[in-house]
Amino acid sequence: MVSQITRGIKISVLTSFEGTYFKNYKIHFAFSYQVTIENHSKDSVQLTSRHWEIYDSLNNIEIVDGEGIIGKKPVLKPGELHTYSSGCLLSSPYGAMKGYFNMINFTSTKNFKVFIPTFKLCAPFALN
């Protein structure tokens, strides 16, 4: 698990290899990840959007931007946390992801970025 704190918001990520799949005559490596967002600040905040950069060892980069997470825009009061799971497909057994969440602080009404630490995606059979 990797974690990082930005402006009192802690992001932790746990990953898992889910298997290989054939899609469009190509092999793909499936990974899941669980993200936990913890509000250690004194203000209530809301996640409004996300930005992901997904890399694989073949130098492919996929950028994903979107509203909220899994169709939600969670509000976190001080001391609260929100956990969700998602996944991605890579063209190789190695990769990494990083990004940020755009959030709004309800006290100051200011928008800010919370950085998601870089986390590795690795199929266990590829380790040697």
C-alpha atoms as a PDB file:
ATOM      1  CA  MET A   1       0.000   0.000   0.000  1.00  0.00           C
ATOM      2  CA  VAL A   2       1.167   3.529  -0.782  1.00  0.00           C
ATOM      3  CA  SER A   3      -0.070   6.700   0.899  1.00  0.00           C
ATOM      4  CA  GLN A   4       0.353  10.451   0.541  1.00  0.00           C
ATOM      5  CA  ILE A   5      -1.114  13.455   2.350  1.00  0.00           C
ATOM      6  CA  THR A   6      -1.924  16.723   0.575  1.00  0.00           C
ATOM      7  CA  ARG A   7      -3.468  19.591   2.559  1.00  0.00           C
ATOM      8  CA  GLY A   8      -4.720  17.234   5.242  1.00  0.00           C
ATOM      9  CA  ILE A   9      -6.278  14.745   2.820  1.00  0.00           C
ATOM     10  CA  LYS A  10      -4.654  11.300   2.920  1.00  0.00           C
ATOM     11  CA  ILE A  11      -4.858   9.064  -0.151  1.00  0.00           C
ATOM     12  CA  SER A  12      -3.959   5.373   0.240  1.00  0.00           C
ATOM     13  CA  VAL A  13      -3.954   2.836  -2.585  1.00  0.00           C
ATOM     14  CA  LEU A  14      -3.880  -0.952  -2.459  1.00  0.00           C
ATOM     15  CA  THR A  15      -3.507  -2.919  -5.727  1.00  0.00           C
ATOM     16  CA  SER A  16      -4.187  -6.462  -6.901  1.00  0.00           C
ATOM     17  CA  PHE A  17      -3.547  -8.440 -10.085  1.00  0.00           C
ATOM     18  CA  GLU A  18      -6.811  -9.946 -11.360  1.00  0.00           C
ATOM     19  CA  GLY A  19      -5.659 -12.053 -14.326  1.00  0.00           C
ATOM     20  CA  THR A  20      -5.122 -11.983 -18.066  1.00  0.00           C
ATOM     21  CA  TYR A  21      -7.794 -11.485 -20.701  1.00  0.00           C
ATOM     22  CA  PHE A  22      -7.948 -11.559 -24.467  1.00  0.00           C
ATOM     23  CA  LYS A  23      -9.639  -8.545 -25.996  1.00  0.00           C
ATOM     24  CA  ASN A  24      -9.507  -7.584 -29.683  1.00  0.00           C
ATOM     25  CA  TYR A  25      -7.015 -10.412 -30.337  1.00  0.00           C
ATOM     26  CA  LYS A  26      -4.546  -9.024 -27.772  1.00  0.00           C
ATOM     27  CA  ILE A  27      -3.658 -10.133 -24.285  1.00  0.00           C
ATOM     28  CA  HIS A  28      -4.453  -7.672 -21.505  1.00  0.00           C
ATOM     29  CA  PHE A  29      -3.413  -7.719 -17.871  1.00  0.00           C
ATOM     30  CA  ALA A  30      -6.181  -6.774 -15.449  1.00  0.00           C
ATOM     31  CA  PHE A  31      -5.504  -4.933 -12.207  1.00  0.00           C
ATOM     32  CA  SER A  32      -7.797  -3.686  -9.479  1.00  0.00           C
ATOM     33  CA  TYR A  33      -7.047  -0.950  -7.001  1.00  0.00           C
ATOM     34  CA  GLN A  34      -8.722   0.240  -3.838  1.00  0.00           C
ATOM     35  CA  VAL A  35      -8.456   3.928  -2.964  1.00  0.00           C
ATOM     36  CA  THR A  36      -9.112   5.278   0.529  1.00  0.00           C
ATOM     37  CA  ILE A  37      -9.550   9.025   0.989  1.00  0.00           C
ATOM     38  CA  GLU A  38      -9.253  10.254   4.588  1.00  0.00           C
ATOM     39  CA  ASN A  39      -9.984  13.798   5.725  1.00  0.00           C
ATOM     40  CA  HIS A  40      -7.431  14.728   8.398  1.00  0.00           C
ATOM     41  CA  SER A  41      -8.101  18.463   7.927  1.00  0.00           C
ATOM     42  CA  LYS A  42     -10.380  20.674  10.042  1.00  0.00           C
ATOM     43  CA  ASP A  43     -12.675  21.493   7.086  1.00  0.00           C
ATOM     44  CA  SER A  44     -15.327  19.588   5.151  1.00  0.00           C
ATOM     45  CA  VAL A  45     -14.292  18.852   1.571  1.00  0.00           C
ATOM     46  CA  GLN A  46     -15.854  17.398  -1.559  1.00  0.00           C
ATOM     47  CA  LEU A  47     -14.193  15.455  -4.359  1.00  0.00           C
ATOM     48  CA  THR A  48     -15.385  16.934  -7.665  1.00  0.00           C
ATOM     49  CA  SER A  49     -13.276  15.278 -10.371  1.00  0.00           C
ATOM     50  CA  ARG A  50     -10.287  13.042 -11.059  1.00  0.00           C
ATOM     51  CA  HIS A  51      -7.230  12.899 -13.310  1.00  0.00           C
ATOM     52  CA  TRP A  52      -5.356   9.627 -13.868  1.00  0.00           C
ATOM     53  CA  GLU A  53      -2.183   8.863 -15.801  1.00  0.00           C
ATOM     54  CA  ILE A  54      -1.885   5.139 -16.522  1.00  0.00           C
ATOM     55  CA  TYR A  55       1.472   3.819 -17.749  1.00  0.00           C
ATOM     56  CA  ASP A  56       2.582   0.394 -18.913  1.00  0.00           C
ATOM     57  CA  SER A  57       6.065  -0.961 -19.565  1.00  0.00           C
ATOM     58  CA  LEU A  58       5.549  -0.686 -23.335  1.00  0.00           C
ATOM     59  CA  ASN A  59       5.531   3.137 -22.982  1.00  0.00           C
ATOM     60  CA  ASN A  60       1.788   3.399 -23.493  1.00  0.00           C
ATOM     61  CA  ILE A  61       0.170   6.229 -21.542  1.00  0.00           C
ATOM     62  CA  GLU A  62      -3.553   6.620 -21.039  1.00  0.00           C
ATOM     63  CA  ILE A  63      -4.988   9.821 -19.555  1.00  0.00           C
ATOM     64  CA  VAL A  64      -8.378   9.570 -17.861  1.00  0.00           C
ATOM     65  CA  ASP A  65     -10.259  12.669 -16.685  1.00  0.00           C
ATOM     66  CA  GLY A  66     -13.758  12.608 -15.315  1.00  0.00           C
ATOM     67  CA  GLU A  67     -16.339  13.850 -12.878  1.00  0.00           C
ATOM     68  CA  GLY A  68     -16.251  12.346  -9.410  1.00  0.00           C
ATOM     69  CA  ILE A  69     -15.321   8.737  -8.735  1.00  0.00           C
ATOM     70  CA  ILE A  70     -17.496   5.762  -9.681  1.00  0.00           C
ATOM     71  CA  GLY A  71     -20.410   8.105 -10.297  1.00  0.00           C
ATOM     72  CA  LYS A  72     -20.087   9.827  -6.897  1.00  0.00           C
ATOM     73  CA  LYS A  73     -18.778  13.117  -5.584  1.00  0.00           C
ATOM     74  CA  PRO A  74     -18.232  12.243  -1.925  1.00  0.00           C
ATOM     75  CA  VAL A  75     -18.309  14.880   0.824  1.00  0.00           C
ATOM     76  CA  LEU A  76     -15.923  14.194   3.697  1.00  0.00           C
ATOM     77  CA  LYS A  77     -16.293  15.907   7.041  1.00  0.00           C
ATOM     78  CA  PRO A  78     -13.223  16.106   9.306  1.00  0.00           C
ATOM     79  CA  GLY A  79     -12.249  12.601  10.420  1.00  0.00           C
ATOM     80  CA  GLU A  80     -14.328  10.826   7.752  1.00  0.00           C
ATOM     81  CA  LEU A  81     -13.081   8.513   5.009  1.00  0.00           C
ATOM     82  CA  HIS A  82     -14.363   7.179   1.703  1.00  0.00           C
ATOM     83  CA  THR A  83     -13.156   3.969   0.040  1.00  0.00           C
ATOM     84  CA  TYR A  84     -13.858   2.772  -3.492  1.00  0.00           C
ATOM     85  CA  SER A  85     -12.522   0.140  -5.874  1.00  0.00           C
ATOM     86  CA  SER A  86     -11.827   0.320  -9.586  1.00  0.00           C
ATOM     87  CA  GLY A  87      -9.544  -1.259 -12.151  1.00  0.00           C
ATOM     88  CA  CYS A  88      -7.655  -0.996 -15.404  1.00  0.00           C
ATOM     89  CA  LEU A  89      -6.298  -3.125 -18.231  1.00  0.00           C
ATOM     90  CA  LEU A  90      -2.663  -2.897 -19.344  1.00  0.00           C
ATOM     91  CA  SER A  91      -0.965  -4.247 -22.462  1.00  0.00           C
ATOM     92  CA  SER A  92       1.963  -5.511 -20.380  1.00  0.00           C
ATOM     93  CA  PRO A  93       2.370  -7.188 -16.956  1.00  0.00           C
ATOM     94  CA  TYR A  94       4.026  -4.067 -15.495  1.00  0.00           C
ATOM     95  CA  GLY A  95       2.707  -0.555 -15.117  1.00  0.00           C
ATOM     96  CA  ALA A  96       1.961   2.305 -12.791  1.00  0.00           C
ATOM     97  CA  MET A  97      -0.689   4.896 -12.111  1.00  0.00           C
ATOM     98  CA  LYS A  98      -0.690   8.343 -10.594  1.00  0.00           C
ATOM     99  CA  GLY A  99      -2.926  11.373 -10.635  1.00  0.00           C
ATOM    100  CA  TYR A 100      -4.911  13.757  -8.521  1.00  0.00           C
ATOM    101  CA  PHE A 101      -8.388  14.519  -7.266  1.00  0.00           C
ATOM    102  CA  ASN A 102      -9.857  17.994  -7.612  1.00  0.00           C
ATOM    103  CA  MET A 103     -11.546  18.942  -4.368  1.00  0.00           C
ATOM    104  CA  ILE A 104     -13.360  21.911  -2.910  1.00  0.00           C
ATOM    105  CA  ASN A 105     -12.935  23.144   0.660  1.00  0.00           C
ATOM    106  CA  PHE A 106     -16.377  24.133   2.000  1.00  0.00           C
ATOM    107  CA  THR A 107     -14.932  26.581   4.561  1.00  0.00           C
ATOM    108  CA  SER A 108     -12.799  28.621   2.155  1.00  0.00           C
ATOM    109  CA  THR A 109     -14.829  27.696  -0.995  1.00  0.00           C
ATOM    110  CA  LYS A 110     -11.475  27.204  -2.760  1.00  0.00           C
ATOM    111  CA  ASN A 111     -10.637  24.393  -5.145  1.00  0.00           C
ATOM    112  CA  PHE A 112      -7.437  22.416  -4.612  1.00  0.00           C
ATOM    113  CA  LYS A 113      -5.684  19.296  -5.895  1.00  0.00           C
ATOM    114  CA  VAL A 114      -5.007  16.236  -3.776  1.00  0.00           C
ATOM    115  CA  PHE A 115      -2.229  14.154  -5.285  1.00  0.00           C
ATOM    116  CA  ILE A 116      -2.541  10.393  -5.646  1.00  0.00           C
ATOM    117  CA  PRO A 117       0.838   8.750  -5.042  1.00  0.00           C
ATOM    118  CA  THR A 118       2.353   6.743  -7.873  1.00  0.00           C
ATOM    119  CA  PHE A 119       1.531   3.083  -7.402  1.00  0.00           C
ATOM    120  CA  LYS A 120       2.904   0.116  -9.272  1.00  0.00           C
ATOM    121  CA  LEU A 121       0.869  -2.525 -11.082  1.00  0.00           C
ATOM    122  CA  CYS A 122       2.707  -5.817 -11.437  1.00  0.00           C
ATOM    123  CA  ALA A 123       1.571  -9.319 -12.309  1.00  0.00           C
ATOM    124  CA  PRO A 124       3.134 -11.702  -9.735  1.00  0.00           C
ATOM    125  CA  PHE A 125       4.273 -14.192 -12.388  1.00  0.00           C
ATOM    126  CA  ALA A 126       6.306 -11.430 -14.046  1.00  0.00           C
ATOM    127  CA  LEU A 127       8.440 -10.919 -10.934  1.00  0.00           C
ATOM    128  CA  ASN A 128      11.765 -12.659 -11.108  1.00  0.00           C
END
